[in-house]
Amino acid sequence: MTSERKANRGPSAGPENRRAILSAAREVFAIEGVSAPLNAVARRAGVGQGSLYRHFPDRVALVVAVIDENIVELEALAETPGSTLDDLVALVAEQAIVSTAFADLLVEERDDPRVAHIGTRFRAVADAVTDNDRRAGRLGAGVSTEDVMLGVEMLAGVLSRTPAIDRPATAARATALLRAAFDRR
């Protein structure tokens, strides 16, 4: 579980250390939750705690950075021509299966200004994909972007409370329910 500590290479190691910290945080938080000790993240990344805190001054900054990586992936999906709500829900489910702890922090820290942009960026993704489905006739007339966002939030929430072994099956059931709820028939 621990990595061998790297020799101090000074500032040139910064980008590599940041990537290692984000990867380690994703792994540690997936196993232990967002309240896991940050020294466990530093150990897993193979960096000292000083390096971790230089990049991320506190837990919220670290979690937001990991979530930002998820949002970038969702934004790329939204920019893909023909992307659908099914694609969005499947990607969110995939992310939530391995990053369940993040849903809790988003709720707990929703008033933190560092967290606010996540909702704004996700809304833009949901708008784009909802518009694609609406133009293609795949979306029920009464389904709004807010409905899509609520459905995705519910999906992430249920997966955050589901034992890891059961998450794939639960995600499949939940996405089928969302698909049926959004269907235009």
Protein backbone atom coordinates (compact mmCIF):
# COMPACT_ATOMS: atom_id res chain seq x y z
CA MET A 1 0.00 0.00 0.00
CA THR A 2 2.88 2.40 0.61
CA SER A 3 5.31 3.61 -1.99
CA GLU A 4 9.02 4.11 -1.53
CA ARG A 5 9.79 7.75 -0.83
CA LYS A 6 11.29 9.65 -3.76
CA ALA A 7 14.51 11.66 -3.54
CA ASN A 8 13.88 15.41 -3.35
CA ARG A 9 14.28 16.79 -6.86
CA GLY A 10 13.12 20.29 -5.96
CA PRO A 11 10.60 22.32 -7.95
CA SER A 12 11.08 20.29 -11.12
CA ALA A 13 9.24 17.41 -9.44
CA GLY A 14 6.16 19.55 -8.83
CA PRO A 15 3.96 18.44 -11.75
CA GLU A 16 4.85 14.77 -11.29
CA ASN A 17 4.19 15.00 -7.53
CA ARG A 18 0.85 16.69 -8.15
CA ARG A 19 -0.25 13.89 -10.50
CA ALA A 20 0.93 11.26 -8.00
CA ILE A 21 -0.95 12.98 -5.18
CA LEU A 22 -4.18 13.16 -7.20
CA SER A 23 -3.91 9.51 -8.20
CA ALA A 24 -3.18 8.47 -4.62
CA ALA A 25 -6.03 10.60 -3.28
CA ARG A 26 -8.46 8.95 -5.67
CA GLU A 27 -7.35 5.51 -4.47
CA VAL A 28 -7.20 6.29 -0.75
CA PHE A 29 -10.50 8.18 -0.69
CA ALA A 30 -12.21 5.39 -2.65
CA ILE A 31 -11.16 2.90 0.03
CA GLU A 32 -11.31 4.97 3.22
CA GLY A 33 -13.58 7.92 2.34
CA VAL A 34 -12.75 11.61 2.17
CA SER A 35 -12.00 11.69 5.88
CA ALA A 36 -8.98 9.38 5.36
CA PRO A 37 -5.77 10.76 6.86
CA LEU A 38 -3.96 12.97 4.37
CA ASN A 39 -0.66 11.39 5.44
CA ALA A 40 -2.03 8.15 3.92
CA VAL A 41 -2.43 10.02 0.62
CA ALA A 42 1.13 11.38 0.84
CA ARG A 43 2.50 7.90 1.63
CA ARG A 44 0.61 6.32 -1.26
CA ALA A 45 1.89 9.06 -3.59
CA GLY A 46 5.45 8.57 -2.39
CA VAL A 47 5.80 12.23 -1.34
CA GLY A 48 6.22 14.01 1.95
CA GLN A 49 3.34 15.76 3.65
CA GLY A 50 4.99 19.10 2.90
CA SER A 51 4.72 18.38 -0.81
CA LEU A 52 1.08 17.42 -0.44
CA TYR A 53 0.28 20.64 1.42
CA ARG A 54 2.24 22.80 -1.06
CA HIS A 55 -0.06 21.55 -3.80
CA PHE A 56 -3.25 21.24 -1.75
CA PRO A 57 -3.44 23.37 1.41
CA ASP A 58 -6.36 21.38 2.83
CA ARG A 59 -8.64 18.41 2.25
CA VAL A 60 -11.26 20.39 0.32
CA ALA A 61 -8.64 21.67 -2.14
CA LEU A 62 -7.44 18.11 -2.74
CA VAL A 63 -10.91 16.66 -3.20
CA VAL A 64 -11.96 19.51 -5.50
CA ALA A 65 -8.86 18.88 -7.66
CA VAL A 66 -9.81 15.21 -8.02
CA ILE A 67 -13.42 16.09 -8.84
CA ASP A 68 -12.18 18.64 -11.39
CA GLU A 69 -10.52 15.75 -13.24
CA ASN A 70 -13.90 13.99 -13.35
CA ILE A 71 -15.58 17.16 -14.65
CA VAL A 72 -12.98 17.49 -17.43
CA GLU A 73 -13.89 13.96 -18.53
CA LEU A 74 -17.60 14.85 -18.45
CA GLU A 75 -16.97 18.06 -20.41
CA ALA A 76 -15.15 16.06 -23.09
CA LEU A 77 -18.20 13.80 -23.31
CA ALA A 78 -20.51 16.81 -23.70
CA GLU A 79 -18.34 18.14 -26.54
CA THR A 80 -18.56 14.82 -28.40
CA PRO A 81 -21.10 15.10 -31.21
CA GLY A 82 -24.10 12.90 -30.58
CA SER A 83 -23.40 12.35 -26.88
CA THR A 84 -26.53 11.26 -25.04
CA LEU A 85 -27.97 11.21 -21.55
CA ASP A 86 -27.28 7.49 -21.52
CA ASP A 87 -23.61 8.29 -22.13
CA LEU A 88 -23.63 10.91 -19.36
CA VAL A 89 -25.35 8.66 -16.83
CA ALA A 90 -23.01 5.77 -17.68
CA LEU A 91 -19.91 7.93 -17.23
CA VAL A 92 -21.17 9.43 -13.97
CA ALA A 93 -21.94 5.91 -12.73
CA GLU A 94 -18.45 4.75 -13.72
CA GLN A 95 -16.88 7.70 -11.90
CA ALA A 96 -19.11 7.26 -8.85
CA ILE A 97 -18.31 3.55 -8.55
CA VAL A 98 -14.65 4.40 -7.93
CA SER A 99 -15.06 7.86 -6.39
CA THR A 100 -18.04 7.46 -4.09
CA ALA A 101 -16.55 9.55 -1.29
CA PHE A 102 -16.72 12.72 -3.36
CA ALA A 103 -20.50 12.93 -3.35
CA ASP A 104 -20.46 13.34 0.42
CA LEU A 105 -17.94 16.17 0.33
CA LEU A 106 -19.93 18.00 -2.35
CA VAL A 107 -22.92 17.98 -0.03
CA GLU A 108 -20.97 18.80 3.14
CA GLU A 109 -19.00 21.65 1.55
CA ARG A 110 -21.56 23.00 -0.91
CA ASP A 111 -21.21 26.54 0.51
CA ASP A 112 -17.42 26.56 0.08
CA PRO A 113 -16.61 28.86 -2.87
CA ARG A 114 -14.03 26.35 -4.10
CA VAL A 115 -16.84 23.82 -4.62
CA ALA A 116 -19.39 26.09 -6.35
CA HIS A 117 -17.79 25.89 -9.80
CA ILE A 118 -18.31 22.13 -9.90
CA GLY A 119 -22.08 22.50 -10.02
CA THR A 120 -21.82 25.23 -12.65
CA ARG A 121 -19.57 23.12 -14.86
CA PHE A 122 -21.73 20.02 -14.41
CA ARG A 123 -24.85 22.02 -15.30
CA ALA A 124 -23.21 23.05 -18.61
CA VAL A 125 -22.50 19.36 -19.33
CA ALA A 126 -26.07 18.37 -18.45
CA ASP A 127 -27.45 21.21 -20.61
CA ALA A 128 -25.41 20.12 -23.64
CA VAL A 129 -26.32 16.45 -23.40
CA THR A 130 -29.97 17.20 -22.60
CA ASP A 131 -30.14 19.45 -25.68
CA ASN A 132 -28.65 16.67 -27.83
CA ASP A 133 -31.29 14.19 -26.66
CA ARG A 134 -34.11 16.73 -26.99
CA ARG A 135 -33.10 17.55 -30.61
CA ALA A 136 -32.90 13.82 -31.43
CA GLY A 137 -36.36 13.17 -29.95
CA ARG A 138 -34.99 10.86 -27.25
CA LEU A 139 -36.10 12.93 -24.27
CA GLY A 140 -39.51 13.26 -22.68
CA ALA A 141 -41.00 16.74 -23.14
CA GLY A 142 -41.30 17.31 -19.40
CA VAL A 143 -37.68 16.41 -18.60
CA SER A 144 -35.55 19.43 -17.73
CA THR A 145 -31.84 19.86 -17.11
CA GLU A 146 -32.69 20.15 -13.41
CA ASP A 147 -34.35 16.71 -13.60
CA VAL A 148 -31.24 15.27 -15.20
CA MET A 149 -29.03 16.85 -12.54
CA LEU A 150 -31.27 15.52 -9.77
CA GLY A 151 -31.21 12.03 -11.28
CA VAL A 152 -27.43 12.05 -11.53
CA GLU A 153 -27.12 13.38 -7.96
CA MET A 154 -29.41 10.58 -6.76
CA LEU A 155 -27.29 8.03 -8.65
CA ALA A 156 -24.04 9.31 -7.11
CA GLY A 157 -25.66 9.43 -3.67
CA VAL A 158 -26.94 5.87 -3.74
CA LEU A 159 -23.60 4.58 -5.00
CA SER A 160 -21.78 6.42 -2.21
CA ARG A 161 -23.79 4.38 0.33
CA THR A 162 -23.52 1.04 -1.46
CA PRO A 163 -20.82 -1.49 -0.54
CA ALA A 164 -18.07 -1.55 -3.19
CA ILE A 165 -18.84 -5.11 -4.26
CA ASP A 166 -22.48 -4.20 -5.01
CA ARG A 167 -21.85 -0.87 -6.79
CA PRO A 168 -21.72 -2.15 -10.39
CA ALA A 169 -25.06 -3.98 -10.07
CA THR A 170 -26.65 -1.05 -8.22
CA ALA A 171 -25.34 1.36 -10.87
CA ALA A 172 -26.86 -0.79 -13.62
CA ARG A 173 -30.26 -0.86 -11.88
CA ALA A 174 -30.20 2.88 -11.15
CA THR A 175 -29.16 3.82 -14.67
CA ALA A 176 -31.96 1.66 -16.09
CA LEU A 177 -34.43 3.52 -13.89
CA LEU A 178 -33.07 6.89 -15.04
CA ARG A 179 -33.16 5.79 -18.66
CA ALA A 180 -36.82 4.84 -18.29
CA ALA A 181 -37.64 8.11 -16.51
CA PHE A 182 -36.03 10.23 -19.25
CA ASP A 183 -37.41 8.22 -22.19
CA ARG A 184 -39.79 10.17 -24.43
CA ARG A 185 -42.38 7.38 -24.67
